[in-house]
Amino acid sequence: MTNPSDVRSYGVLEQEGSGDPLAIHIESIRLAGYTVVPGGFTSDRLAELGSRLDAVLARQAAEFGGPERLALICDALTARCPPAYDETFL
């Protein structure tokens, strides 16, 4: 058990520190299971990709019988394999 006097921040029992960007991403993957790497996309490009992803999801919903059916399997907000529907995602 951790000694309360060893805890430097409320609720934080383990902390790693590093200014190295790679180490920060590795730690994020270890702790959360994912990391976010800046892609350098402009806001216009991000908006375009978002629209294309919405179109992929709409097409998949139609193929599956409508968004209601996707909602039944808790998949209403998940586009599966976007590159199969739009080459932009390659």
PDB file of N, CA and C in Angstrom:
ATOM      1  N   MET A   1       0.838  -1.175   0.000  1.00  0.00           N
ATOM      2  CA  MET A   1       0.000   0.000   0.000  1.00  0.00           C
ATOM      3  C   MET A   1       0.884   1.240   0.000  1.00  0.00           C
ATOM      4  N   THR A   2       0.412   2.279  -0.696  1.00  0.00           N
ATOM      5  CA  THR A   2       1.171   3.519  -0.803  1.00  0.00           C
ATOM      6  C   THR A   2       1.002   4.358   0.444  1.00  0.00           C
ATOM      7  N   ASN A   3       2.094   4.881   0.928  1.00  0.00           N
ATOM      8  CA  ASN A   3       2.068   5.778   2.069  1.00  0.00           C
ATOM      9  C   ASN A   3       1.485   7.112   1.604  1.00  0.00           C
ATOM     10  N   PRO A   4       0.439   7.641   2.263  1.00  0.00           N
ATOM     11  CA  PRO A   4      -0.173   8.909   1.837  1.00  0.00           C
ATOM     12  C   PRO A   4       0.814  10.053   1.704  1.00  0.00           C
ATOM     13  N   SER A   5       1.875  10.047   2.481  1.00  0.00           N
ATOM     14  CA  SER A   5       2.844  11.137   2.387  1.00  0.00           C
ATOM     15  C   SER A   5       3.688  11.036   1.112  1.00  0.00           C
ATOM     16  N   ASP A   6       3.660   9.860   0.439  1.00  0.00           N
ATOM     17  CA  ASP A   6       4.396   9.684  -0.813  1.00  0.00           C
ATOM     18  C   ASP A   6       3.614  10.186  -2.026  1.00  0.00           C
ATOM     19  N   VAL A   7       2.326  10.461  -1.848  1.00  0.00           N
ATOM     20  CA  VAL A   7       1.485  10.899  -2.959  1.00  0.00           C
ATOM     21  C   VAL A   7       1.593  12.409  -3.082  1.00  0.00           C
ATOM     22  N   ARG A   8       2.059  12.881  -4.245  1.00  0.00           N
ATOM     23  CA  ARG A   8       2.296  14.316  -4.436  1.00  0.00           C
ATOM     24  C   ARG A   8       1.067  15.063  -4.948  1.00  0.00           C
ATOM     25  N   SER A   9       0.166  14.358  -5.629  1.00  0.00           N
ATOM     26  CA  SER A   9      -1.053  14.972  -6.160  1.00  0.00           C
ATOM     27  C   SER A   9      -2.230  14.118  -5.761  1.00  0.00           C
ATOM     28  N   TYR A  10      -3.349  14.741  -5.464  1.00  0.00           N
ATOM     29  CA  TYR A  10      -4.537  14.014  -5.036  1.00  0.00           C
ATOM     30  C   TYR A  10      -4.931  12.969  -6.071  1.00  0.00           C
ATOM     31  N   GLY A  11      -5.017  11.719  -5.663  1.00  0.00           N
ATOM     32  CA  GLY A  11      -5.465  10.635  -6.524  1.00  0.00           C
ATOM     33  C   GLY A  11      -4.424  10.119  -7.494  1.00  0.00           C
ATOM     34  N   VAL A  12      -3.245  10.688  -7.509  1.00  0.00           N
ATOM     35  CA  VAL A  12      -2.194  10.251  -8.431  1.00  0.00           C
ATOM     36  C   VAL A  12      -1.215   9.380  -7.660  1.00  0.00           C
ATOM     37  N   LEU A  13      -1.218   8.083  -8.006  1.00  0.00           N
ATOM     38  CA  LEU A  13      -0.318   7.157  -7.326  1.00  0.00           C
ATOM     39  C   LEU A  13       0.930   6.876  -8.149  1.00  0.00           C
ATOM     40  N   GLU A  14       0.828   7.074  -9.469  1.00  0.00           N
ATOM     41  CA  GLU A  14       1.949   6.782 -10.352  1.00  0.00           C
ATOM     42  C   GLU A  14       2.056   7.898 -11.369  1.00  0.00           C
ATOM     43  N   GLN A  15       3.254   8.401 -11.591  1.00  0.00           N
ATOM     44  CA  GLN A  15       3.439   9.476 -12.543  1.00  0.00           C
ATOM     45  C   GLN A  15       4.805   9.329 -13.179  1.00  0.00           C
ATOM     46  N   GLU A  16       4.825   9.497 -14.496  1.00  0.00           N
ATOM     47  CA  GLU A  16       6.081   9.492 -15.220  1.00  0.00           C
ATOM     48  C   GLU A  16       6.248  10.857 -15.852  1.00  0.00           C
ATOM     49  N   GLY A  17       7.441  11.312 -15.945  1.00  0.00           N
ATOM     50  CA  GLY A  17       7.676  12.604 -16.556  1.00  0.00           C
ATOM     51  C   GLY A  17       8.703  12.499 -17.662  1.00  0.00           C
ATOM     52  N   SER A  18       8.405  13.149 -18.774  1.00  0.00           N
ATOM     53  CA  SER A  18       9.336  13.165 -19.873  1.00  0.00           C
ATOM     54  C   SER A  18       8.972  14.296 -20.813  1.00  0.00           C
ATOM     55  N   GLY A  19       9.945  15.009 -21.265  1.00  0.00           N
ATOM     56  CA  GLY A  19       9.717  16.052 -22.248  1.00  0.00           C
ATOM     57  C   GLY A  19       9.857  15.525 -23.662  1.00  0.00           C
ATOM     58  N   ASP A  20      10.305  14.281 -23.799  1.00  0.00           N
ATOM     59  CA  ASP A  20      10.508  13.669 -25.103  1.00  0.00           C
ATOM     60  C   ASP A  20       9.155  13.303 -25.722  1.00  0.00           C
ATOM     61  N   PRO A  21       8.806  13.864 -26.887  1.00  0.00           N
ATOM     62  CA  PRO A  21       7.497  13.584 -27.504  1.00  0.00           C
ATOM     63  C   PRO A  21       7.229  12.092 -27.735  1.00  0.00           C
ATOM     64  N   LEU A  22       8.234  11.349 -28.152  1.00  0.00           N
ATOM     65  CA  LEU A  22       8.046   9.913 -28.376  1.00  0.00           C
ATOM     66  C   LEU A  22       7.690   9.202 -27.080  1.00  0.00           C
ATOM     67  N   ALA A  23       8.378   9.541 -26.002  1.00  0.00           N
ATOM     68  CA  ALA A  23       8.092   8.916 -24.704  1.00  0.00           C
ATOM     69  C   ALA A  23       6.682   9.265 -24.229  1.00  0.00           C
ATOM     70  N   ILE A  24       6.236  10.469 -24.513  1.00  0.00           N
ATOM     71  CA  ILE A  24       4.881  10.875 -24.133  1.00  0.00           C
ATOM     72  C   ILE A  24       3.851  10.035 -24.876  1.00  0.00           C
ATOM     73  N   HIS A  25       4.068   9.799 -26.181  1.00  0.00           N
ATOM     74  CA  HIS A  25       3.141   8.963 -26.960  1.00  0.00           C
ATOM     75  C   HIS A  25       3.159   7.515 -26.471  1.00  0.00           C
ATOM     76  N   ILE A  26       4.323   7.011 -26.153  1.00  0.00           N
ATOM     77  CA  ILE A  26       4.437   5.642 -25.635  1.00  0.00           C
ATOM     78  C   ILE A  26       3.692   5.514 -24.312  1.00  0.00           C
ATOM     79  N   GLU A  27       3.851   6.504 -23.453  1.00  0.00           N
ATOM     80  CA  GLU A  27       3.153   6.475 -22.168  1.00  0.00           C
ATOM     81  C   GLU A  27       1.642   6.533 -22.371  1.00  0.00           C
ATOM     82  N   SER A  28       1.188   7.357 -23.314  1.00  0.00           N
ATOM     83  CA  SER A  28      -0.243   7.450 -23.600  1.00  0.00           C
ATOM     84  C   SER A  28      -0.795   6.116 -24.073  1.00  0.00           C
ATOM     85  N   ILE A  29      -0.069   5.440 -24.939  1.00  0.00           N
ATOM     86  CA  ILE A  29      -0.503   4.118 -25.413  1.00  0.00           C
ATOM     87  C   ILE A  29      -0.547   3.132 -24.259  1.00  0.00           C
ATOM     88  N   ARG A  30       0.475   3.177 -23.410  1.00  0.00           N
ATOM     89  CA  ARG A  30       0.522   2.251 -22.274  1.00  0.00           C
ATOM     90  C   ARG A  30      -0.630   2.499 -21.304  1.00  0.00           C
ATOM     91  N   LEU A  31      -0.922   3.759 -21.018  1.00  0.00           N
ATOM     92  CA  LEU A  31      -1.938   4.079 -20.022  1.00  0.00           C
ATOM     93  C   LEU A  31      -3.362   4.066 -20.565  1.00  0.00           C
ATOM     94  N   ALA A  32      -3.555   4.590 -21.795  1.00  0.00           N
ATOM     95  CA  ALA A  32      -4.910   4.744 -22.328  1.00  0.00           C
ATOM     96  C   ALA A  32      -5.224   3.801 -23.485  1.00  0.00           C
ATOM     97  N   GLY A  33      -4.179   3.220 -24.074  1.00  0.00           N
ATOM     98  CA  GLY A  33      -4.407   2.313 -25.198  1.00  0.00           C
ATOM     99  C   GLY A  33      -4.376   3.008 -26.548  1.00  0.00           C
ATOM    100  N   TYR A  34      -4.157   4.314 -26.572  1.00  0.00           N
ATOM    101  CA  TYR A  34      -4.070   5.055 -27.829  1.00  0.00           C
ATOM    102  C   TYR A  34      -3.276   6.338 -27.604  1.00  0.00           C
ATOM    103  N   THR A  35      -2.917   6.976 -28.699  1.00  0.00           N
ATOM    104  CA  THR A  35      -2.287   8.288 -28.636  1.00  0.00           C
ATOM    105  C   THR A  35      -2.782   9.103 -29.826  1.00  0.00           C
ATOM    106  N   VAL A  36      -2.627  10.391 -29.751  1.00  0.00           N
ATOM    107  CA  VAL A  36      -3.030  11.272 -30.841  1.00  0.00           C
ATOM    108  C   VAL A  36      -1.772  11.923 -31.394  1.00  0.00           C
ATOM    109  N   VAL A  37      -1.534  11.703 -32.678  1.00  0.00           N
ATOM    110  CA  VAL A  37      -0.372  12.275 -33.340  1.00  0.00           C
ATOM    111  C   VAL A  37      -0.865  13.401 -34.245  1.00  0.00           C
ATOM    112  N   PRO A  38      -0.381  14.622 -34.042  1.00  0.00           N
ATOM    113  CA  PRO A  38      -0.818  15.721 -34.904  1.00  0.00           C
ATOM    114  C   PRO A  38      -0.506  15.414 -36.367  1.00  0.00           C
ATOM    115  N   GLY A  39      -1.518  15.588 -37.211  1.00  0.00           N
ATOM    116  CA  GLY A  39      -1.355  15.249 -38.623  1.00  0.00           C
ATOM    117  C   GLY A  39      -1.000  16.422 -39.505  1.00  0.00           C
ATOM    118  N   GLY A  40      -1.092  17.625 -38.970  1.00  0.00           N
ATOM    119  CA  GLY A  40      -0.753  18.788 -39.765  1.00  0.00           C
ATOM    120  C   GLY A  40      -1.851  19.174 -40.744  1.00  0.00           C
ATOM    121  N   PHE A  41      -3.080  18.691 -40.529  1.00  0.00           N
ATOM    122  CA  PHE A  41      -4.177  19.017 -41.428  1.00  0.00           C
ATOM    123  C   PHE A  41      -4.709  20.412 -41.127  1.00  0.00           C
ATOM    124  N   THR A  42      -5.114  21.109 -42.173  1.00  0.00           N
ATOM    125  CA  THR A  42      -5.760  22.408 -41.986  1.00  0.00           C
ATOM    126  C   THR A  42      -7.189  22.170 -41.508  1.00  0.00           C
ATOM    127  N   SER A  43      -7.807  23.203 -40.981  1.00  0.00           N
ATOM    128  CA  SER A  43      -9.198  23.056 -40.532  1.00  0.00           C
ATOM    129  C   SER A  43     -10.122  22.759 -41.701  1.00  0.00           C
ATOM    130  N   ASP A  44      -9.822  23.298 -42.882  1.00  0.00           N
ATOM    131  CA  ASP A  44     -10.636  22.990 -44.069  1.00  0.00           C
ATOM    132  C   ASP A  44     -10.526  21.515 -44.443  1.00  0.00           C
ATOM    133  N   ARG A  45      -9.315  20.984 -44.376  1.00  0.00           N
ATOM    134  CA  ARG A  45      -9.106  19.563 -44.711  1.00  0.00           C
ATOM    135  C   ARG A  45      -9.810  18.676 -43.684  1.00  0.00           C
ATOM    136  N   LEU A  46      -9.723  19.027 -42.415  1.00  0.00           N
ATOM    137  CA  LEU A  46     -10.407  18.257 -41.378  1.00  0.00           C
ATOM    138  C   LEU A  46     -11.915  18.271 -41.596  1.00  0.00           C
ATOM    139  N   ALA A  47     -12.462  19.427 -41.991  1.00  0.00           N
ATOM    140  CA  ALA A  47     -13.899  19.519 -42.269  1.00  0.00           C
ATOM    141  C   ALA A  47     -14.273  18.622 -43.446  1.00  0.00           C
ATOM    142  N   GLU A  48     -13.435  18.615 -44.477  1.00  0.00           N
ATOM    143  CA  GLU A  48     -13.690  17.759 -45.642  1.00  0.00           C
ATOM    144  C   GLU A  48     -13.655  16.284 -45.244  1.00  0.00           C
ATOM    145  N   LEU A  49     -12.655  15.894 -44.471  1.00  0.00           N
ATOM    146  CA  LEU A  49     -12.557  14.500 -44.034  1.00  0.00           C
ATOM    147  C   LEU A  49     -13.757  14.116 -43.166  1.00  0.00           C
ATOM    148  N   GLY A  50     -14.198  15.029 -42.309  1.00  0.00           N
ATOM    149  CA  GLY A  50     -15.374  14.775 -41.492  1.00  0.00           C
ATOM    150  C   GLY A  50     -16.611  14.554 -42.342  1.00  0.00           C
ATOM    151  N   SER A  51     -16.779  15.373 -43.377  1.00  0.00           N
ATOM    152  CA  SER A  51     -17.923  15.215 -44.292  1.00  0.00           C
ATOM    153  C   SER A  51     -17.857  13.891 -45.028  1.00  0.00           C
ATOM    154  N   ARG A  52     -16.667  13.528 -45.472  1.00  0.00           N
ATOM    155  CA  ARG A  52     -16.509  12.252 -46.182  1.00  0.00           C
ATOM    156  C   ARG A  52     -16.785  11.066 -45.249  1.00  0.00           C
ATOM    157  N   LEU A  53     -16.352  11.181 -44.012  1.00  0.00           N
ATOM    158  CA  LEU A  53     -16.601  10.116 -43.042  1.00  0.00           C
ATOM    159  C   LEU A  53     -18.099   9.999 -42.748  1.00  0.00           C
ATOM    160  N   ASP A  54     -18.779  11.129 -42.647  1.00  0.00           N
ATOM    161  CA  ASP A  54     -20.235  11.113 -42.472  1.00  0.00           C
ATOM    162  C   ASP A  54     -20.912  10.424 -43.652  1.00  0.00           C
ATOM    163  N   ALA A  55     -20.416  10.676 -44.872  1.00  0.00           N
ATOM    164  CA  ALA A  55     -20.988  10.054 -46.075  1.00  0.00           C
ATOM    165  C   ALA A  55     -20.763   8.540 -46.058  1.00  0.00           C
ATOM    166  N   VAL A  56     -19.582   8.118 -45.615  1.00  0.00           N
ATOM    167  CA  VAL A  56     -19.306   6.678 -45.496  1.00  0.00           C
ATOM    168  C   VAL A  56     -20.276   6.048 -44.502  1.00  0.00           C
ATOM    169  N   LEU A  57     -20.455   6.679 -43.366  1.00  0.00           N
ATOM    170  CA  LEU A  57     -21.356   6.146 -42.346  1.00  0.00           C
ATOM    171  C   LEU A  57     -22.797   6.094 -42.869  1.00  0.00           C
ATOM    172  N   ALA A  58     -23.224   7.121 -43.580  1.00  0.00           N
ATOM    173  CA  ALA A  58     -24.583   7.128 -44.143  1.00  0.00           C
ATOM    174  C   ALA A  58     -24.756   5.991 -45.144  1.00  0.00           C
ATOM    175  N   ARG A  59     -23.753   5.763 -45.966  1.00  0.00           N
ATOM    176  CA  ARG A  59     -23.826   4.659 -46.946  1.00  0.00           C
ATOM    177  C   ARG A  59     -23.879   3.307 -46.233  1.00  0.00           C
ATOM    178  N   GLN A  60     -23.052   3.141 -45.208  1.00  0.00           N
ATOM    179  CA  GLN A  60     -23.058   1.886 -44.463  1.00  0.00           C
ATOM    180  C   GLN A  60     -24.390   1.679 -43.750  1.00  0.00           C
ATOM    181  N   ALA A  61     -24.946   2.743 -43.207  1.00  0.00           N
ATOM    182  CA  ALA A  61     -26.247   2.638 -42.536  1.00  0.00           C
ATOM    183  C   ALA A  61     -27.307   2.195 -43.548  1.00  0.00           C
ATOM    184  N   ALA A  62     -27.294   2.777 -44.734  1.00  0.00           N
ATOM    185  CA  ALA A  62     -28.264   2.396 -45.771  1.00  0.00           C
ATOM    186  C   ALA A  62     -28.082   0.932 -46.164  1.00  0.00           C
ATOM    187  N   GLU A  63     -26.827   0.487 -46.306  1.00  0.00           N
ATOM    188  CA  GLU A  63     -26.558  -0.909 -46.663  1.00  0.00           C
ATOM    189  C   GLU A  63     -27.025  -1.875 -45.567  1.00  0.00           C
ATOM    190  N   PHE A  64     -27.015  -1.408 -44.325  1.00  0.00           N
ATOM    191  CA  PHE A  64     -27.366  -2.265 -43.192  1.00  0.00           C
ATOM    192  C   PHE A  64     -28.855  -2.223 -42.863  1.00  0.00           C
ATOM    193  N   GLY A  65     -29.588  -1.348 -43.558  1.00  0.00           N
ATOM    194  CA  GLY A  65     -31.026  -1.273 -43.324  1.00  0.00           C
ATOM    195  C   GLY A  65     -31.468  -0.041 -42.566  1.00  0.00           C
ATOM    196  N   GLY A  66     -30.587   0.938 -42.442  1.00  0.00           N
ATOM    197  CA  GLY A  66     -30.940   2.189 -41.787  1.00  0.00           C
ATOM    198  C   GLY A  66     -30.186   2.403 -40.492  1.00  0.00           C
ATOM    199  N   PRO A  67     -30.095   3.674 -40.076  1.00  0.00           N
ATOM    200  CA  PRO A  67     -29.347   3.999 -38.859  1.00  0.00           C
ATOM    201  C   PRO A  67     -29.943   3.370 -37.601  1.00  0.00           C
ATOM    202  N   GLU A  68     -31.251   3.109 -37.635  1.00  0.00           N
ATOM    203  CA  GLU A  68     -31.884   2.494 -36.464  1.00  0.00           C
ATOM    204  C   GLU A  68     -31.305   1.102 -36.203  1.00  0.00           C
ATOM    205  N   ARG A  69     -31.056   0.365 -37.280  1.00  0.00           N
ATOM    206  CA  ARG A  69     -30.488  -0.984 -37.122  1.00  0.00           C
ATOM    207  C   ARG A  69     -29.071  -0.919 -36.577  1.00  0.00           C
ATOM    208  N   LEU A  70     -28.294   0.074 -37.023  1.00  0.00           N
ATOM    209  CA  LEU A  70     -26.946   0.237 -36.468  1.00  0.00           C
ATOM    210  C   LEU A  70     -27.015   0.602 -34.989  1.00  0.00           C
ATOM    211  N   ALA A  71     -27.997   1.406 -34.634  1.00  0.00           N
ATOM    212  CA  ALA A  71     -28.154   1.801 -33.234  1.00  0.00           C
ATOM    213  C   ALA A  71     -28.460   0.594 -32.355  1.00  0.00           C
ATOM    214  N   LEU A  72     -29.192  -0.372 -32.897  1.00  0.00           N
ATOM    215  CA  LEU A  72     -29.527  -1.572 -32.123  1.00  0.00           C
ATOM    216  C   LEU A  72     -28.288  -2.359 -31.709  1.00  0.00           C
ATOM    217  N   ILE A  73     -27.243  -2.270 -32.519  1.00  0.00           N
ATOM    218  CA  ILE A  73     -26.004  -2.982 -32.187  1.00  0.00           C
ATOM    219  C   ILE A  73     -24.935  -2.014 -31.666  1.00  0.00           C
ATOM    220  N   CYS A  74     -25.382  -0.819 -31.250  1.00  0.00           N
ATOM    221  CA  CYS A  74     -24.493   0.208 -30.690  1.00  0.00           C
ATOM    222  C   CYS A  74     -23.367   0.589 -31.649  1.00  0.00           C
ATOM    223  N   ASP A  75     -23.697   0.667 -32.933  1.00  0.00           N
ATOM    224  CA  ASP A  75     -22.702   0.989 -33.954  1.00  0.00           C
ATOM    225  C   ASP A  75     -23.119   2.191 -34.788  1.00  0.00           C
ATOM    226  N   ALA A  76     -24.041   3.001 -34.287  1.00  0.00           N
ATOM    227  CA  ALA A  76     -24.592   4.102 -35.074  1.00  0.00           C
ATOM    228  C   ALA A  76     -23.573   5.190 -35.394  1.00  0.00           C
ATOM    229  N   LEU A  77     -22.514   5.287 -34.626  1.00  0.00           N
ATOM    230  CA  LEU A  77     -21.529   6.346 -34.847  1.00  0.00           C
ATOM    231  C   LEU A  77     -20.170   5.805 -35.286  1.00  0.00           C
ATOM    232  N   THR A  78     -20.147   4.577 -35.810  1.00  0.00           N
ATOM    233  CA  THR A  78     -18.887   3.956 -36.186  1.00  0.00           C
ATOM    234  C   THR A  78     -18.880   3.610 -37.671  1.00  0.00           C
ATOM    235  N   ALA A  79     -18.001   4.272 -38.425  1.00  0.00           N
ATOM    236  CA  ALA A  79     -17.811   3.936 -39.836  1.00  0.00           C
ATOM    237  C   ALA A  79     -16.734   2.856 -39.897  1.00  0.00           C
ATOM    238  N   ARG A  80     -17.073   1.739 -40.485  1.00  0.00           N
ATOM    239  CA  ARG A  80     -16.125   0.622 -40.583  1.00  0.00           C
ATOM    240  C   ARG A  80     -15.366   0.669 -41.900  1.00  0.00           C
ATOM    241  N   CYS A  81     -14.066   0.528 -41.842  1.00  0.00           N
ATOM    242  CA  CYS A  81     -13.155   0.443 -42.985  1.00  0.00           C
ATOM    243  C   CYS A  81     -13.424   1.540 -44.037  1.00  0.00           C
ATOM    244  N   PRO A  82     -13.298   2.804 -43.648  1.00  0.00           N
ATOM    245  CA  PRO A  82     -13.561   3.898 -44.589  1.00  0.00           C
ATOM    246  C   PRO A  82     -12.817   3.811 -45.921  1.00  0.00           C
ATOM    247  N   PRO A  83     -11.562   3.307 -45.964  1.00  0.00           N
ATOM    248  CA  PRO A  83     -10.891   3.246 -47.271  1.00  0.00           C
ATOM    249  C   PRO A  83     -11.609   2.369 -48.300  1.00  0.00           C
ATOM    250  N   ALA A  84     -12.422   1.431 -47.842  1.00  0.00           N
ATOM    251  CA  ALA A  84     -13.167   0.586 -48.776  1.00  0.00           C
ATOM    252  C   ALA A  84     -14.282   1.370 -49.465  1.00  0.00           C
ATOM    253  N   TYR A  85     -14.646   2.509 -48.904  1.00  0.00           N
ATOM    254  CA  TYR A  85     -15.736   3.317 -49.434  1.00  0.00           C
ATOM    255  C   TYR A  85     -15.277   4.623 -50.063  1.00  0.00           C
ATOM    256  N   ASP A  86     -14.103   5.083 -49.687  1.00  0.00           N
ATOM    257  CA  ASP A  86     -13.619   6.381 -50.163  1.00  0.00           C
ATOM    258  C   ASP A  86     -12.093   6.352 -50.183  1.00  0.00           C
ATOM    259  N   GLU A  87     -11.502   6.471 -51.357  1.00  0.00           N
ATOM    260  CA  GLU A  87     -10.050   6.395 -51.507  1.00  0.00           C
ATOM    261  C   GLU A  87      -9.317   7.501 -50.771  1.00  0.00           C
ATOM    262  N   THR A  88     -10.010   8.556 -50.390  1.00  0.00           N
ATOM    263  CA  THR A  88      -9.376   9.648 -49.639  1.00  0.00           C
ATOM    264  C   THR A  88      -8.723   9.122 -48.369  1.00  0.00           C
ATOM    265  N   PHE A  89      -9.311   8.068 -47.779  1.00  0.00           N
ATOM    266  CA  PHE A  89      -8.797   7.552 -46.507  1.00  0.00           C
ATOM    267  C   PHE A  89      -7.609   6.610 -46.682  1.00  0.00           C
ATOM    268  N   LEU A  90      -7.204   6.363 -47.929  1.00  0.00           N
ATOM    269  CA  LEU A  90      -5.989   5.587 -48.145  1.00  0.00           C
ATOM    270  C   LEU A  90      -4.790   6.474 -47.833  1.00  0.00           C
TER     271      LEU A  90
END
